């Protein structure tokens, strides 16, 4: 049974603004994560130990689009961040984008903890 997908903050709205072919590629990568697999373009995001945060990069018409998600939790895939990379130099993810991912990963952990407590309470 596929894992649930939960969108943190503006990640869904941001992804929905991507070109259709990029949305399709990102959606397929997330579906593979839901099923316990890993898309060929999904790579561990540098700076997050253990490979629990993955990044999918898709190029379209000279632009680069990125979606980050975590599989650290057994029953949910949390989509942390989706954005279009603006800088034309280098492949490194800009620090302010990493800061957003870190903050949203903390939000996902808190949400997951709350959901676990609710399940126990039922």
C-alpha atoms as a PDB file:
ATOM      1  CA  UNK A   1       0.000   0.000   0.000  1.00  0.00           C
ATOM      2  CA  UNK A   2       1.482   3.387  -0.964  1.00  0.00           C
ATOM      3  CA  UNK A   3       2.495   5.819   1.746  1.00  0.00           C
ATOM      4  CA  UNK A   4       0.496   8.989   2.214  1.00  0.00           C
ATOM      5  CA  UNK A   5       1.915  12.227   0.777  1.00  0.00           C
ATOM      6  CA  UNK A   6       1.762  15.322   2.944  1.00  0.00           C
ATOM      7  CA  UNK A   7       2.676  18.765   1.641  1.00  0.00           C
ATOM      8  CA  UNK A   8       4.495  21.145   3.976  1.00  0.00           C
ATOM      9  CA  UNK A   9       3.791  24.889   3.750  1.00  0.00           C
ATOM     10  CA  UNK A  10       3.631  26.132   0.125  1.00  0.00           C
ATOM     11  CA  UNK A  11       5.261  23.064  -1.471  1.00  0.00           C
ATOM     12  CA  UNK A  12       2.094  21.899  -3.295  1.00  0.00           C
ATOM     13  CA  UNK A  13       1.197  25.370  -4.584  1.00  0.00           C
ATOM     14  CA  UNK A  14       4.790  25.921  -5.698  1.00  0.00           C
ATOM     15  CA  UNK A  15       4.915  22.588  -7.538  1.00  0.00           C
ATOM     16  CA  UNK A  16       1.584  23.284  -9.235  1.00  0.00           C
ATOM     17  CA  UNK A  17       3.135  26.384 -10.844  1.00  0.00           C
ATOM     18  CA  UNK A  18       5.751  24.258 -12.673  1.00  0.00           C
ATOM     19  CA  UNK A  19       5.402  23.406 -16.387  1.00  0.00           C
ATOM     20  CA  UNK A  20       3.263  20.309 -17.028  1.00  0.00           C
ATOM     21  CA  UNK A  21       6.141  18.013 -18.013  1.00  0.00           C
ATOM     22  CA  UNK A  22       8.071  19.001 -14.873  1.00  0.00           C
ATOM     23  CA  UNK A  23       4.990  18.393 -12.693  1.00  0.00           C
ATOM     24  CA  UNK A  24       4.603  14.986 -14.301  1.00  0.00           C
ATOM     25  CA  UNK A  25       8.241  14.046 -13.617  1.00  0.00           C
ATOM     26  CA  UNK A  26       8.070  15.276 -10.020  1.00  0.00           C
ATOM     27  CA  UNK A  27       4.751  13.507  -9.481  1.00  0.00           C
ATOM     28  CA  UNK A  28       6.173  10.236 -10.746  1.00  0.00           C
ATOM     29  CA  UNK A  29       9.210  10.595  -8.454  1.00  0.00           C
ATOM     30  CA  UNK A  30       6.905  11.185  -5.477  1.00  0.00           C
ATOM     31  CA  UNK A  31       4.752   8.208  -6.464  1.00  0.00           C
ATOM     32  CA  UNK A  32       7.842   6.004  -6.523  1.00  0.00           C
ATOM     33  CA  UNK A  33       8.748   7.274  -3.037  1.00  0.00           C
ATOM     34  CA  UNK A  34       5.209   6.476  -1.873  1.00  0.00           C
ATOM     35  CA  UNK A  35       5.693   2.906  -3.085  1.00  0.00           C
ATOM     36  CA  UNK A  36       9.049   2.572  -1.293  1.00  0.00           C
ATOM     37  CA  UNK A  37      11.186   3.118  -4.374  1.00  0.00           C
ATOM     38  CA  UNK A  38      13.493   5.850  -5.568  1.00  0.00           C
ATOM     39  CA  UNK A  39      13.290   7.723  -8.872  1.00  0.00           C
ATOM     40  CA  UNK A  40      16.468   7.603 -10.969  1.00  0.00           C
ATOM     41  CA  UNK A  41      16.780  11.403 -10.635  1.00  0.00           C
ATOM     42  CA  UNK A  42      16.251  11.423  -6.843  1.00  0.00           C
ATOM     43  CA  UNK A  43      19.500  12.131  -5.038  1.00  0.00           C
ATOM     44  CA  UNK A  44      20.249  12.673  -1.354  1.00  0.00           C
ATOM     45  CA  UNK A  45      20.302  16.387  -0.578  1.00  0.00           C
ATOM     46  CA  UNK A  46      23.747  17.432   0.623  1.00  0.00           C
ATOM     47  CA  UNK A  47      23.918  18.492   4.253  1.00  0.00           C
ATOM     48  CA  UNK A  48      21.202  16.100   5.425  1.00  0.00           C
ATOM     49  CA  UNK A  49      22.858  13.038   6.906  1.00  0.00           C
ATOM     50  CA  UNK A  50      21.557   9.581   6.231  1.00  0.00           C
ATOM     51  CA  UNK A  51      19.862  10.244   2.898  1.00  0.00           C
ATOM     52  CA  UNK A  52      16.486  10.886   4.474  1.00  0.00           C
ATOM     53  CA  UNK A  53      16.003  14.072   2.434  1.00  0.00           C
ATOM     54  CA  UNK A  54      15.958  13.609  -1.314  1.00  0.00           C
ATOM     55  CA  UNK A  55      15.975  16.078  -4.171  1.00  0.00           C
ATOM     56  CA  UNK A  56      14.598  15.655  -7.675  1.00  0.00           C
ATOM     57  CA  UNK A  57      15.981  18.029 -10.297  1.00  0.00           C
ATOM     58  CA  UNK A  58      14.252  18.528 -13.634  1.00  0.00           C
ATOM     59  CA  UNK A  59      15.366  20.857 -16.414  1.00  0.00           C
ATOM     60  CA  UNK A  60      12.868  22.481 -18.745  1.00  0.00           C
ATOM     61  CA  UNK A  61      13.435  25.085 -21.443  1.00  0.00           C
ATOM     62  CA  UNK A  62      16.719  26.264 -19.921  1.00  0.00           C
ATOM     63  CA  UNK A  63      15.310  26.459 -16.379  1.00  0.00           C
ATOM     64  CA  UNK A  64      15.905  24.112 -13.458  1.00  0.00           C
ATOM     65  CA  UNK A  65      13.168  22.987 -11.088  1.00  0.00           C
ATOM     66  CA  UNK A  66      13.721  21.199  -7.791  1.00  0.00           C
ATOM     67  CA  UNK A  67      11.534  19.348  -5.325  1.00  0.00           C
ATOM     68  CA  UNK A  68      12.772  18.106  -1.958  1.00  0.00           C
ATOM     69  CA  UNK A  69      11.029  15.489   0.138  1.00  0.00           C
ATOM     70  CA  UNK A  70      11.772  13.225   3.069  1.00  0.00           C
ATOM     71  CA  UNK A  71      11.292   9.510   3.518  1.00  0.00           C
ATOM     72  CA  UNK A  72      12.513   9.522   7.126  1.00  0.00           C
ATOM     73  CA  UNK A  73       9.089   8.560   8.395  1.00  0.00           C
ATOM     74  CA  UNK A  74       7.786   5.047   7.834  1.00  0.00           C
ATOM     75  CA  UNK A  75       4.245   5.791   6.668  1.00  0.00           C
ATOM     76  CA  UNK A  76       4.353   9.259   5.066  1.00  0.00           C
ATOM     77  CA  UNK A  77       6.316  11.064   2.359  1.00  0.00           C
ATOM     78  CA  UNK A  78       6.562  14.735   3.348  1.00  0.00           C
ATOM     79  CA  UNK A  79       7.152  17.124   0.451  1.00  0.00           C
ATOM     80  CA  UNK A  80       9.257  19.886   1.940  1.00  0.00           C
ATOM     81  CA  UNK A  81       9.986  22.366  -0.828  1.00  0.00           C
ATOM     82  CA  UNK A  82       9.573  22.976  -4.564  1.00  0.00           C
ATOM     83  CA  UNK A  83      11.205  25.860  -6.388  1.00  0.00           C
ATOM     84  CA  UNK A  84      12.655  27.082  -9.648  1.00  0.00           C
ATOM     85  CA  UNK A  85      16.370  27.694  -9.344  1.00  0.00           C
ATOM     86  CA  UNK A  86      17.086  31.295 -10.333  1.00  0.00           C
ATOM     87  CA  UNK A  87      20.890  31.421 -10.264  1.00  0.00           C
ATOM     88  CA  UNK A  88      22.523  30.526 -13.553  1.00  0.00           C
ATOM     89  CA  UNK A  89      25.925  29.724 -12.023  1.00  0.00           C
ATOM     90  CA  UNK A  90      26.715  26.419 -10.354  1.00  0.00           C
ATOM     91  CA  UNK A  91      24.557  23.458  -9.449  1.00  0.00           C
ATOM     92  CA  UNK A  92      24.660  23.980  -5.692  1.00  0.00           C
ATOM     93  CA  UNK A  93      21.353  24.579  -3.963  1.00  0.00           C
ATOM     94  CA  UNK A  94      21.318  28.161  -2.584  1.00  0.00           C
ATOM     95  CA  UNK A  95      21.678  28.444   1.194  1.00  0.00           C
ATOM     96  CA  UNK A  96      18.326  30.189   1.707  1.00  0.00           C
ATOM     97  CA  UNK A  97      16.607  27.256  -0.041  1.00  0.00           C
ATOM     98  CA  UNK A  98      18.438  24.803   2.252  1.00  0.00           C
ATOM     99  CA  UNK A  99      17.301  26.885   5.239  1.00  0.00           C
ATOM    100  CA  UNK A 100      13.691  26.512   4.057  1.00  0.00           C
ATOM    101  CA  UNK A 101      14.135  22.740   3.742  1.00  0.00           C
ATOM    102  CA  UNK A 102      15.615  22.550   7.269  1.00  0.00           C
ATOM    103  CA  UNK A 103      12.740  24.547   8.767  1.00  0.00           C
ATOM    104  CA  UNK A 104      10.129  22.500   6.925  1.00  0.00           C
ATOM    105  CA  UNK A 105      11.801  19.230   7.935  1.00  0.00           C
ATOM    106  CA  UNK A 106      11.339  20.317  11.555  1.00  0.00           C
ATOM    107  CA  UNK A 107       7.697  21.133  10.771  1.00  0.00           C
ATOM    108  CA  UNK A 108       7.254  17.679   9.230  1.00  0.00           C
ATOM    109  CA  UNK A 109       8.755  16.011  12.313  1.00  0.00           C
ATOM    110  CA  UNK A 110       6.377  17.929  14.594  1.00  0.00           C
ATOM    111  CA  UNK A 111       3.400  17.111  12.392  1.00  0.00           C
ATOM    112  CA  UNK A 112       4.386  13.464  12.301  1.00  0.00           C
ATOM    113  CA  UNK A 113       4.659  13.367  16.087  1.00  0.00           C
ATOM    114  CA  UNK A 114       1.195  14.939  16.439  1.00  0.00           C
ATOM    115  CA  UNK A 115      -0.275  12.443  13.981  1.00  0.00           C
ATOM    116  CA  UNK A 116       1.297   9.534  15.901  1.00  0.00           C
ATOM    117  CA  UNK A 117      -0.239  10.795  19.158  1.00  0.00           C
ATOM    118  CA  UNK A 118      -3.655  11.115  17.495  1.00  0.00           C
ATOM    119  CA  UNK A 119      -3.444   7.567  16.163  1.00  0.00           C
ATOM    120  CA  UNK A 120      -2.586   6.240  19.631  1.00  0.00           C
ATOM    121  CA  UNK A 121      -5.509   8.156  21.096  1.00  0.00           C
ATOM    122  CA  UNK A 122      -8.052   6.528  18.775  1.00  0.00           C
END
